[in-house]
Amino acid sequence: MQVVFDKAGCKSFFKKFRSQQHQMQTEILEAVDEEINSGMSKTKIAAHERINGRSIHEFRLNLGTVGSARVAFYANNQLATVLFISTDLQKRTFTDELERFLKERG
């Protein structure tokens, strides 16, 4: 499974943690790949909107010294796209942020 990051949705998160960006990207890539391969048992639907007919899923991920983050992604065949990352752990607030991002994105 190939995993890529949406530049617009992940930029502000990685900007906050610039010195640890590579390590966090690796951890996120592995976690998304594991979720998809294990049947996405730890994910929840992140928003009502769909991208290319695919549901957007989210899950909480512990990133070590940085703390936890919520990661939103969608998968299409052998490609998963990490759409949005936030340090806001409250599900409702995260969903609001994600939906605002999706509206701005078009």
PDB file of N, CA and C in Angstrom:
ATOM      1  N   MET A   1       0.850  -1.183   0.000  1.00  0.00           N
ATOM      2  CA  MET A   1       0.000   0.000   0.000  1.00  0.00           C
ATOM      3  C   MET A   1       0.890   1.239   0.000  1.00  0.00           C
ATOM      4  N   GLN A   2       0.626   2.131  -0.921  1.00  0.00           N
ATOM      5  CA  GLN A   2       1.356   3.393  -0.978  1.00  0.00           C
ATOM      6  C   GLN A   2       0.531   4.441  -0.234  1.00  0.00           C
ATOM      7  N   VAL A   3       1.199   5.249   0.584  1.00  0.00           N
ATOM      8  CA  VAL A   3       0.531   6.292   1.350  1.00  0.00           C
ATOM      9  C   VAL A   3       1.167   7.632   1.010  1.00  0.00           C
ATOM     10  N   VAL A   4       0.331   8.626   0.696  1.00  0.00           N
ATOM     11  CA  VAL A   4       0.818   9.970   0.385  1.00  0.00           C
ATOM     12  C   VAL A   4       0.112  10.977   1.298  1.00  0.00           C
ATOM     13  N   PHE A   5       0.706  12.163   1.411  1.00  0.00           N
ATOM     14  CA  PHE A   5       0.150  13.226   2.243  1.00  0.00           C
ATOM     15  C   PHE A   5      -0.418  14.328   1.361  1.00  0.00           C
ATOM     16  N   ASP A   6      -1.627  14.783   1.685  1.00  0.00           N
ATOM     17  CA  ASP A   6      -2.213  15.937   1.024  1.00  0.00           C
ATOM     18  C   ASP A   6      -1.489  17.171   1.559  1.00  0.00           C
ATOM     19  N   LYS A   7      -0.841  17.895   0.675  1.00  0.00           N
ATOM     20  CA  LYS A   7      -0.009  19.024   1.079  1.00  0.00           C
ATOM     21  C   LYS A   7      -0.801  20.065   1.882  1.00  0.00           C
ATOM     22  N   ALA A   8      -1.967  20.445   1.386  1.00  0.00           N
ATOM     23  CA  ALA A   8      -2.753  21.496   2.032  1.00  0.00           C
ATOM     24  C   ALA A   8      -3.255  21.088   3.419  1.00  0.00           C
ATOM     25  N   GLY A   9      -3.676  19.846   3.572  1.00  0.00           N
ATOM     26  CA  GLY A   9      -4.258  19.399   4.826  1.00  0.00           C
ATOM     27  C   GLY A   9      -3.248  19.045   5.899  1.00  0.00           C
ATOM     28  N   CYS A  10      -2.014  18.796   5.520  1.00  0.00           N
ATOM     29  CA  CYS A  10      -0.991  18.361   6.479  1.00  0.00           C
ATOM     30  C   CYS A  10       0.060  19.442   6.754  1.00  0.00           C
ATOM     31  N   LYS A  11       0.055  20.495   5.940  1.00  0.00           N
ATOM     32  CA  LYS A  11       1.100  21.522   6.015  1.00  0.00           C
ATOM     33  C   LYS A  11       1.197  22.172   7.398  1.00  0.00           C
ATOM     34  N   SER A  12       0.078  22.623   7.949  1.00  0.00           N
ATOM     35  CA  SER A  12       0.135  23.336   9.227  1.00  0.00           C
ATOM     36  C   SER A  12       0.600  22.426  10.361  1.00  0.00           C
ATOM     37  N   PHE A  13       0.210  21.156  10.311  1.00  0.00           N
ATOM     38  CA  PHE A  13       0.654  20.222  11.347  1.00  0.00           C
ATOM     39  C   PHE A  13       2.162  20.026  11.283  1.00  0.00           C
ATOM     40  N   PHE A  14       2.689  19.759  10.102  1.00  0.00           N
ATOM     41  CA  PHE A  14       4.119  19.520   9.962  1.00  0.00           C
ATOM     42  C   PHE A  14       4.933  20.794  10.193  1.00  0.00           C
ATOM     43  N   LYS A  15       4.326  21.949   9.954  1.00  0.00           N
ATOM     44  CA  LYS A  15       5.015  23.216  10.194  1.00  0.00           C
ATOM     45  C   LYS A  15       5.282  23.399  11.693  1.00  0.00           C
ATOM     46  N   LYS A  16       4.342  22.955  12.533  1.00  0.00           N
ATOM     47  CA  LYS A  16       4.509  23.054  13.989  1.00  0.00           C
ATOM     48  C   LYS A  16       5.650  22.179  14.491  1.00  0.00           C
ATOM     49  N   PHE A  17       5.853  21.052  13.840  1.00  0.00           N
ATOM     50  CA  PHE A  17       6.835  20.060  14.299  1.00  0.00           C
ATOM     51  C   PHE A  17       7.881  19.802  13.226  1.00  0.00           C
ATOM     52  N   ARG A  18       8.397  20.863  12.664  1.00  0.00           N
ATOM     53  CA  ARG A  18       9.319  20.781  11.530  1.00  0.00           C
ATOM     54  C   ARG A  18      10.513  19.863  11.797  1.00  0.00           C
ATOM     55  N   SER A  19      11.098  19.948  12.982  1.00  0.00           N
ATOM     56  CA  SER A  19      12.303  19.157  13.268  1.00  0.00           C
ATOM     57  C   SER A  19      12.015  17.661  13.364  1.00  0.00           C
ATOM     58  N   GLN A  20      10.766  17.291  13.612  1.00  0.00           N
ATOM     59  CA  GLN A  20      10.403  15.874  13.760  1.00  0.00           C
ATOM     60  C   GLN A  20       9.527  15.380  12.608  1.00  0.00           C
ATOM     61  N   GLN A  21       9.430  16.163  11.554  1.00  0.00           N
ATOM     62  CA  GLN A  21       8.511  15.848  10.459  1.00  0.00           C
ATOM     63  C   GLN A  21       8.777  14.476   9.842  1.00  0.00           C
ATOM     64  N   HIS A  22      10.012  14.175   9.539  1.00  0.00           N
ATOM     65  CA  HIS A  22      10.314  12.903   8.869  1.00  0.00           C
ATOM     66  C   HIS A  22       9.924  11.710   9.743  1.00  0.00           C
ATOM     67  N   GLN A  23      10.252  11.772  11.021  1.00  0.00           N
ATOM     68  CA  GLN A  23       9.911  10.685  11.943  1.00  0.00           C
ATOM     69  C   GLN A  23       8.399  10.515  12.044  1.00  0.00           C
ATOM     70  N   MET A  24       7.675  11.629  12.152  1.00  0.00           N
ATOM     71  CA  MET A  24       6.215  11.554  12.266  1.00  0.00           C
ATOM     72  C   MET A  24       5.581  11.041  10.978  1.00  0.00           C
ATOM     73  N   GLN A  25       6.098  11.458   9.832  1.00  0.00           N
ATOM     74  CA  GLN A  25       5.565  10.961   8.561  1.00  0.00           C
ATOM     75  C   GLN A  25       5.714   9.442   8.491  1.00  0.00           C
ATOM     76  N   THR A  26       6.859   8.940   8.911  1.00  0.00           N
ATOM     77  CA  THR A  26       7.086   7.497   8.902  1.00  0.00           C
ATOM     78  C   THR A  26       6.100   6.783   9.812  1.00  0.00           C
ATOM     79  N   GLU A  27       5.898   7.315  11.016  1.00  0.00           N
ATOM     80  CA  GLU A  27       4.964   6.696  11.966  1.00  0.00           C
ATOM     81  C   GLU A  27       3.536   6.721  11.418  1.00  0.00           C
ATOM     82  N   ILE A  28       3.144   7.824  10.809  1.00  0.00           N
ATOM     83  CA  ILE A  28       1.792   7.945  10.250  1.00  0.00           C
ATOM     84  C   ILE A  28       1.614   6.990   9.076  1.00  0.00           C
ATOM     85  N   LEU A  29       2.615   6.912   8.198  1.00  0.00           N
ATOM     86  CA  LEU A  29       2.550   5.992   7.058  1.00  0.00           C
ATOM     87  C   LEU A  29       2.346   4.560   7.534  1.00  0.00           C
ATOM     88  N   GLU A  30       3.128   4.152   8.523  1.00  0.00           N
ATOM     89  CA  GLU A  30       3.024   2.785   9.048  1.00  0.00           C
ATOM     90  C   GLU A  30       1.664   2.542   9.684  1.00  0.00           C
ATOM     91  N   ALA A  31       1.159   3.527  10.432  1.00  0.00           N
ATOM     92  CA  ALA A  31      -0.129   3.364  11.116  1.00  0.00           C
ATOM     93  C   ALA A  31      -1.289   3.266  10.115  1.00  0.00           C
ATOM     94  N   VAL A  32      -1.275   4.103   9.084  1.00  0.00           N
ATOM     95  CA  VAL A  32      -2.340   4.060   8.064  1.00  0.00           C
ATOM     96  C   VAL A  32      -2.288   2.728   7.333  1.00  0.00           C
ATOM     97  N   ASP A  33      -1.113   2.307   6.953  1.00  0.00           N
ATOM     98  CA  ASP A  33      -0.951   1.021   6.263  1.00  0.00           C
ATOM     99  C   ASP A  33      -1.462  -0.123   7.139  1.00  0.00           C
ATOM    100  N   GLU A  34      -1.125  -0.092   8.414  1.00  0.00           N
ATOM    101  CA  GLU A  34      -1.575  -1.146   9.343  1.00  0.00           C
ATOM    102  C   GLU A  34      -3.094  -1.140   9.487  1.00  0.00           C
ATOM    103  N   GLU A  35      -3.695   0.041   9.599  1.00  0.00           N
ATOM    104  CA  GLU A  35      -5.152   0.129   9.722  1.00  0.00           C
ATOM    105  C   GLU A  35      -5.857  -0.455   8.502  1.00  0.00           C
ATOM    106  N   ILE A  36      -5.366  -0.112   7.328  1.00  0.00           N
ATOM    107  CA  ILE A  36      -5.986  -0.613   6.105  1.00  0.00           C
ATOM    108  C   ILE A  36      -5.832  -2.121   6.008  1.00  0.00           C
ATOM    109  N   ASN A  37      -4.651  -2.630   6.320  1.00  0.00           N
ATOM    110  CA  ASN A  37      -4.401  -4.071   6.228  1.00  0.00           C
ATOM    111  C   ASN A  37      -5.126  -4.876   7.296  1.00  0.00           C
ATOM    112  N   SER A  38      -5.470  -4.239   8.421  1.00  0.00           N
ATOM    113  CA  SER A  38      -6.153  -4.963   9.493  1.00  0.00           C
ATOM    114  C   SER A  38      -7.674  -4.776   9.452  1.00  0.00           C
ATOM    115  N   GLY A  39      -8.178  -4.155   8.401  1.00  0.00           N
ATOM    116  CA  GLY A  39      -9.628  -4.010   8.268  1.00  0.00           C
ATOM    117  C   GLY A  39     -10.182  -2.745   8.905  1.00  0.00           C
ATOM    118  N   MET A  40      -9.328  -1.808   9.247  1.00  0.00           N
ATOM    119  CA  MET A  40      -9.705  -0.508   9.815  1.00  0.00           C
ATOM    120  C   MET A  40     -10.584  -0.633  11.060  1.00  0.00           C
ATOM    121  N   SER A  41     -10.197  -1.497  11.963  1.00  0.00           N
ATOM    122  CA  SER A  41     -10.972  -1.723  13.176  1.00  0.00           C
ATOM    123  C   SER A  41     -10.890  -0.565  14.172  1.00  0.00           C
ATOM    124  N   LYS A  42      -9.858   0.258  14.088  1.00  0.00           N
ATOM    125  CA  LYS A  42      -9.691   1.370  15.027  1.00  0.00           C
ATOM    126  C   LYS A  42     -10.134   2.708  14.438  1.00  0.00           C
ATOM    127  N   THR A  43     -10.628   2.701  13.218  1.00  0.00           N
ATOM    128  CA  THR A  43     -11.007   3.964  12.587  1.00  0.00           C
ATOM    129  C   THR A  43     -12.492   4.243  12.743  1.00  0.00           C
ATOM    130  N   LYS A  44     -12.821   5.508  12.541  1.00  0.00           N
ATOM    131  CA  LYS A  44     -14.212   5.960  12.527  1.00  0.00           C
ATOM    132  C   LYS A  44     -14.399   6.786  11.264  1.00  0.00           C
ATOM    133  N   ILE A  45     -15.636   6.913  10.829  1.00  0.00           N
ATOM    134  CA  ILE A  45     -15.925   7.794   9.702  1.00  0.00           C
ATOM    135  C   ILE A  45     -15.693   9.226  10.183  1.00  0.00           C
ATOM    136  N   ALA A  46     -14.909   9.975   9.419  1.00  0.00           N
ATOM    137  CA  ALA A  46     -14.507  11.315   9.854  1.00  0.00           C
ATOM    138  C   ALA A  46     -15.467  12.408   9.406  1.00  0.00           C
ATOM    139  N   ALA A  47     -16.094  12.232   8.245  1.00  0.00           N
ATOM    140  CA  ALA A  47     -16.989  13.262   7.711  1.00  0.00           C
ATOM    141  C   ALA A  47     -18.016  12.597   6.796  1.00  0.00           C
ATOM    142  N   HIS A  48     -19.119  13.305   6.587  1.00  0.00           N
ATOM    143  CA  HIS A  48     -20.162  12.773   5.700  1.00  0.00           C
ATOM    144  C   HIS A  48     -19.739  12.839   4.243  1.00  0.00           C
ATOM    145  N   GLU A  49     -18.905  13.802   3.935  1.00  0.00           N
ATOM    146  CA  GLU A  49     -18.452  13.986   2.565  1.00  0.00           C
ATOM    147  C   GLU A  49     -17.572  12.816   2.130  1.00  0.00           C
ATOM    148  N   ARG A  50     -17.588  12.534   0.832  1.00  0.00           N
ATOM    149  CA  ARG A  50     -16.745  11.486   0.260  1.00  0.00           C
ATOM    150  C   ARG A  50     -15.807  12.102  -0.766  1.00  0.00           C
ATOM    151  N   ILE A  51     -14.692  11.455  -0.982  1.00  0.00           N
ATOM    152  CA  ILE A  51     -13.740  11.888  -1.993  1.00  0.00           C
ATOM    153  C   ILE A  51     -13.591  10.749  -2.983  1.00  0.00           C
ATOM    154  N   ASN A  52     -13.877  11.035  -4.242  1.00  0.00           N
ATOM    155  CA  ASN A  52     -13.841  10.024  -5.298  1.00  0.00           C
ATOM    156  C   ASN A  52     -14.661   8.791  -4.920  1.00  0.00           C
ATOM    157  N   GLY A  53     -15.769   9.017  -4.229  1.00  0.00           N
ATOM    158  CA  GLY A  53     -16.640   7.930  -3.831  1.00  0.00           C
ATOM    159  C   GLY A  53     -16.174   7.150  -2.616  1.00  0.00           C
ATOM    160  N   ARG A  54     -15.064   7.568  -2.019  1.00  0.00           N
ATOM    161  CA  ARG A  54     -14.499   6.854  -0.869  1.00  0.00           C
ATOM    162  C   ARG A  54     -14.775   7.606   0.432  1.00  0.00           C
ATOM    163  N   SER A  55     -15.087   6.846   1.487  1.00  0.00           N
ATOM    164  CA  SER A  55     -15.306   7.432   2.804  1.00  0.00           C
ATOM    165  C   SER A  55     -13.996   7.935   3.388  1.00  0.00           C
ATOM    166  N   ILE A  56     -14.106   8.994   4.169  1.00  0.00           N
ATOM    167  CA  ILE A  56     -12.947   9.530   4.871  1.00  0.00           C
ATOM    168  C   ILE A  56     -12.975   8.956   6.280  1.00  0.00           C
ATOM    169  N   HIS A  57     -11.889   8.300   6.660  1.00  0.00           N
ATOM    170  CA  HIS A  57     -11.768   7.683   7.985  1.00  0.00           C
ATOM    171  C   HIS A  57     -10.777   8.467   8.826  1.00  0.00           C
ATOM    172  N   GLU A  58     -10.897   8.333  10.139  1.00  0.00           N
ATOM    173  CA  GLU A  58      -9.949   8.977  11.034  1.00  0.00           C
ATOM    174  C   GLU A  58      -9.646   8.062  12.208  1.00  0.00           C
ATOM    175  N   PHE A  59      -8.476   8.285  12.811  1.00  0.00           N
ATOM    176  CA  PHE A  59      -8.106   7.567  14.017  1.00  0.00           C
ATOM    177  C   PHE A  59      -7.121   8.399  14.809  1.00  0.00           C
ATOM    178  N   ARG A  60      -6.999   8.062  16.066  1.00  0.00           N
ATOM    179  CA  ARG A  60      -6.069   8.747  16.965  1.00  0.00           C
ATOM    180  C   ARG A  60      -4.757   7.984  16.960  1.00  0.00           C
ATOM    181  N   LEU A  61      -3.660   8.725  16.942  1.00  0.00           N
ATOM    182  CA  LEU A  61      -2.338   8.108  16.876  1.00  0.00           C
ATOM    183  C   LEU A  61      -1.407   8.784  17.862  1.00  0.00           C
ATOM    184  N   ASN A  62      -0.725   7.988  18.679  1.00  0.00           N
ATOM    185  CA  ASN A  62       0.267   8.509  19.608  1.00  0.00           C
ATOM    186  C   ASN A  62       1.583   8.668  18.857  1.00  0.00           C
ATOM    187  N   LEU A  63       2.110   9.890  18.851  1.00  0.00           N
ATOM    188  CA  LEU A  63       3.342  10.182  18.130  1.00  0.00           C
ATOM    189  C   LEU A  63       4.523  10.412  19.073  1.00  0.00           C
ATOM    190  N   GLY A  64       4.521   9.742  20.207  1.00  0.00           N
ATOM    191  CA  GLY A  64       5.651   9.811  21.139  1.00  0.00           C
ATOM    192  C   GLY A  64       5.756  11.150  21.828  1.00  0.00           C
ATOM    193  N   THR A  65       6.923  11.777  21.728  1.00  0.00           N
ATOM    194  CA  THR A  65       7.190  13.013  22.465  1.00  0.00           C
ATOM    195  C   THR A  65       6.298  14.174  22.031  1.00  0.00           C
ATOM    196  N   VAL A  66       5.796  14.135  20.823  1.00  0.00           N
ATOM    197  CA  VAL A  66       4.903  15.187  20.323  1.00  0.00           C
ATOM    198  C   VAL A  66       3.529  15.070  20.961  1.00  0.00           C
ATOM    199  N   GLY A  67       3.138  13.880  21.332  1.00  0.00           N
ATOM    200  CA  GLY A  67       1.810  13.624  21.876  1.00  0.00           C
ATOM    201  C   GLY A  67       0.951  12.929  20.848  1.00  0.00           C
ATOM    202  N   SER A  68      -0.335  13.016  21.019  1.00  0.00           N
ATOM    203  CA  SER A  68      -1.260  12.346  20.113  1.00  0.00           C
ATOM    204  C   SER A  68      -1.799  13.307  19.063  1.00  0.00           C
ATOM    205  N   ALA A  69      -2.280  12.723  17.982  1.00  0.00           N
ATOM    206  CA  ALA A  69      -2.884  13.493  16.897  1.00  0.00           C
ATOM    207  C   ALA A  69      -4.011  12.662  16.296  1.00  0.00           C
ATOM    208  N   ARG A  70      -4.907  13.340  15.595  1.00  0.00           N
ATOM    209  CA  ARG A  70      -5.935  12.651  14.828  1.00  0.00           C
ATOM    210  C   ARG A  70      -5.559  12.761  13.361  1.00  0.00           C
ATOM    211  N   VAL A  71      -5.708  11.636  12.669  1.00  0.00           N
ATOM    212  CA  VAL A  71      -5.301  11.534  11.275  1.00  0.00           C
ATOM    213  C   VAL A  71      -6.522  11.138  10.442  1.00  0.00           C
ATOM    214  N   ALA A  72      -6.833  11.931   9.424  1.00  0.00           N
ATOM    215  CA  ALA A  72      -7.934  11.616   8.511  1.00  0.00           C
ATOM    216  C   ALA A  72      -7.335  11.166   7.178  1.00  0.00           C
ATOM    217  N   PHE A  73      -7.900  10.095   6.618  1.00  0.00           N
ATOM    218  CA  PHE A  73      -7.384   9.559   5.362  1.00  0.00           C
ATOM    219  C   PHE A  73      -8.492   8.872   4.581  1.00  0.00           C
ATOM    220  N   TYR A  74      -8.223   8.632   3.321  1.00  0.00           N
ATOM    221  CA  TYR A  74      -9.106   7.796   2.506  1.00  0.00           C
ATOM    222  C   TYR A  74      -8.233   6.899   1.651  1.00  0.00           C
ATOM    223  N   ALA A  75      -8.768   5.754   1.291  1.00  0.00           N
ATOM    224  CA  ALA A  75      -8.002   4.781   0.512  1.00  0.00           C
ATOM    225  C   ALA A  75      -8.730   4.492  -0.787  1.00  0.00           C
ATOM    226  N   ASN A  76      -7.943   4.362  -1.845  1.00  0.00           N
ATOM    227  CA  ASN A  76      -8.479   4.059  -3.158  1.00  0.00           C
ATOM    228  C   ASN A  76      -7.550   3.031  -3.805  1.00  0.00           C
ATOM    229  N   ASN A  77      -7.996   1.798  -3.872  1.00  0.00           N
ATOM    230  CA  ASN A  77      -7.183   0.688  -4.383  1.00  0.00           C
ATOM    231  C   ASN A  77      -5.893   0.562  -3.581  1.00  0.00           C
ATOM    232  N   GLN A  78      -4.753   0.735  -4.196  1.00  0.00           N
ATOM    233  CA  GLN A  78      -3.478   0.565  -3.482  1.00  0.00           C
ATOM    234  C   GLN A  78      -2.858   1.901  -3.077  1.00  0.00           C
ATOM    235  N   LEU A  79      -3.663   2.966  -3.034  1.00  0.00           N
ATOM    236  CA  LEU A  79      -3.173   4.285  -2.656  1.00  0.00           C
ATOM    237  C   LEU A  79      -4.034   4.855  -1.534  1.00  0.00           C
ATOM    238  N   ALA A  80      -3.391   5.226  -0.454  1.00  0.00           N
ATOM    239  CA  ALA A  80      -4.083   5.904   0.645  1.00  0.00           C
ATOM    240  C   ALA A  80      -3.563   7.333   0.712  1.00  0.00           C
ATOM    241  N   THR A  81      -4.469   8.272   0.952  1.00  0.00           N
ATOM    242  CA  THR A  81      -4.090   9.672   1.056  1.00  0.00           C
ATOM    243  C   THR A  81      -4.410  10.176   2.454  1.00  0.00           C
ATOM    244  N   VAL A  82      -3.380  10.645   3.156  1.00  0.00           N
ATOM    245  CA  VAL A  82      -3.580  11.285   4.453  1.00  0.00           C
ATOM    246  C   VAL A  82      -4.045  12.694   4.131  1.00  0.00           C
ATOM    247  N   LEU A  83      -5.282  12.962   4.451  1.00  0.00           N
ATOM    248  CA  LEU A  83      -5.940  14.184   4.036  1.00  0.00           C
ATOM    249  C   LEU A  83      -5.724  15.324   5.017  1.00  0.00           C
ATOM    250  N   PHE A  84      -5.730  15.018   6.309  1.00  0.00           N
ATOM    251  CA  PHE A  84      -5.719  16.067   7.324  1.00  0.00           C
ATOM    252  C   PHE A  84      -5.165  15.495   8.618  1.00  0.00           C
ATOM    253  N   ILE A  85      -4.350  16.289   9.326  1.00  0.00           N
ATOM    254  CA  ILE A  85      -3.797  15.887  10.615  1.00  0.00           C
ATOM    255  C   ILE A  85      -3.995  17.039  11.589  1.00  0.00           C
ATOM    256  N   SER A  86      -4.390  16.721  12.818  1.00  0.00           N
ATOM    257  CA  SER A  86      -4.605  17.758  13.819  1.00  0.00           C
ATOM    258  C   SER A  86      -4.204  17.248  15.201  1.00  0.00           C
ATOM    259  N   THR A  87      -3.749  18.160  16.036  1.00  0.00           N
ATOM    260  CA  THR A  87      -3.447  17.805  17.426  1.00  0.00           C
ATOM    261  C   THR A  87      -4.684  17.944  18.300  1.00  0.00           C
ATOM    262  N   ASP A  88      -5.788  18.417  17.738  1.00  0.00           N
ATOM    263  CA  ASP A  88      -7.035  18.522  18.483  1.00  0.00           C
ATOM    264  C   ASP A  88      -7.637  17.125  18.596  1.00  0.00           C
ATOM    265  N   LEU A  89      -7.661  16.593  19.795  1.00  0.00           N
ATOM    266  CA  LEU A  89      -8.067  15.198  19.982  1.00  0.00           C
ATOM    267  C   LEU A  89      -9.568  15.009  20.164  1.00  0.00           C
ATOM    268  N   GLN A  90     -10.295  16.069  20.491  1.00  0.00           N
ATOM    269  CA  GLN A  90     -11.738  15.937  20.668  1.00  0.00           C
ATOM    270  C   GLN A  90     -12.375  15.682  19.309  1.00  0.00           C
ATOM    271  N   LYS A  91     -13.120  14.599  19.204  1.00  0.00           N
ATOM    272  CA  LYS A  91     -13.680  14.151  17.929  1.00  0.00           C
ATOM    273  C   LYS A  91     -14.540  15.223  17.262  1.00  0.00           C
ATOM    274  N   ARG A  92     -15.420  15.856  18.010  1.00  0.00           N
ATOM    275  CA  ARG A  92     -16.326  16.857  17.432  1.00  0.00           C
ATOM    276  C   ARG A  92     -15.548  18.039  16.848  1.00  0.00           C
ATOM    277  N   THR A  93     -14.568  18.540  17.590  1.00  0.00           N
ATOM    278  CA  THR A  93     -13.769  19.665  17.125  1.00  0.00           C
ATOM    279  C   THR A  93     -12.941  19.271  15.911  1.00  0.00           C
ATOM    280  N   PHE A  94     -12.380  18.070  15.939  1.00  0.00           N
ATOM    281  CA  PHE A  94     -11.608  17.582  14.806  1.00  0.00           C
ATOM    282  C   PHE A  94     -12.481  17.488  13.559  1.00  0.00           C
ATOM    283  N   THR A  95     -13.676  16.959  13.710  1.00  0.00           N
ATOM    284  CA  THR A  95     -14.601  16.834  12.585  1.00  0.00           C
ATOM    285  C   THR A  95     -14.954  18.207  12.024  1.00  0.00           C
ATOM    286  N   ASP A  96     -15.181  19.185  12.907  1.00  0.00           N
ATOM    287  CA  ASP A  96     -15.477  20.548  12.449  1.00  0.00           C
ATOM    288  C   ASP A  96     -14.313  21.120  11.647  1.00  0.00           C
ATOM    289  N   GLU A  97     -13.078  20.934  12.148  1.00  0.00           N
ATOM    290  CA  GLU A  97     -11.887  21.406  11.435  1.00  0.00           C
ATOM    291  C   GLU A  97     -11.771  20.735  10.066  1.00  0.00           C
ATOM    292  N   LEU A  98     -11.985  19.430  10.037  1.00  0.00           N
ATOM    293  CA  LEU A  98     -11.888  18.675   8.789  1.00  0.00           C
ATOM    294  C   LEU A  98     -12.931  19.142   7.791  1.00  0.00           C
ATOM    295  N   GLU A  99     -14.167  19.316   8.229  1.00  0.00           N
ATOM    296  CA  GLU A  99     -15.226  19.755   7.323  1.00  0.00           C
ATOM    297  C   GLU A  99     -14.961  21.162   6.799  1.00  0.00           C
ATOM    298  N   ARG A 100     -14.412  22.042   7.641  1.00  0.00           N
ATOM    299  CA  ARG A 100     -14.042  23.387   7.196  1.00  0.00           C
ATOM    300  C   ARG A 100     -12.949  23.305   6.120  1.00  0.00           C
ATOM    301  N   PHE A 101     -11.964  22.424   6.350  1.00  0.00           N
ATOM    302  CA  PHE A 101     -10.893  22.220   5.372  1.00  0.00           C
ATOM    303  C   PHE A 101     -11.462  21.698   4.054  1.00  0.00           C
ATOM    304  N   LEU A 102     -12.378  20.744   4.122  1.00  0.00           N
ATOM    305  CA  LEU A 102     -12.966  20.171   2.902  1.00  0.00           C
ATOM    306  C   LEU A 102     -13.752  21.209   2.109  1.00  0.00           C
ATOM    307  N   LYS A 103     -14.466  22.115   2.797  1.00  0.00           N
ATOM    308  CA  LYS A 103     -15.207  23.174   2.109  1.00  0.00           C
ATOM    309  C   LYS A 103     -14.263  24.137   1.416  1.00  0.00           C
ATOM    310  N   GLU A 104     -13.168  24.497   2.097  1.00  0.00           N
ATOM    311  CA  GLU A 104     -12.187  25.419   1.509  1.00  0.00           C
ATOM    312  C   GLU A 104     -11.489  24.787   0.314  1.00  0.00           C
ATOM    313  N   ARG A 105     -11.294  23.488   0.397  1.00  0.00           N
ATOM    314  CA  ARG A 105     -10.602  22.738  -0.642  1.00  0.00           C
ATOM    315  C   ARG A 105     -11.431  22.679  -1.935  1.00  0.00           C
ATOM    316  N   GLY A 106     -12.731  22.686  -1.723  1.00  0.00           N
ATOM    317  CA  GLY A 106     -13.614  22.692  -2.896  1.00  0.00           C
ATOM    318  C   GLY A 106     -14.127  21.404  -3.217  1.00  0.00           C
TER     319      GLY A 106
END
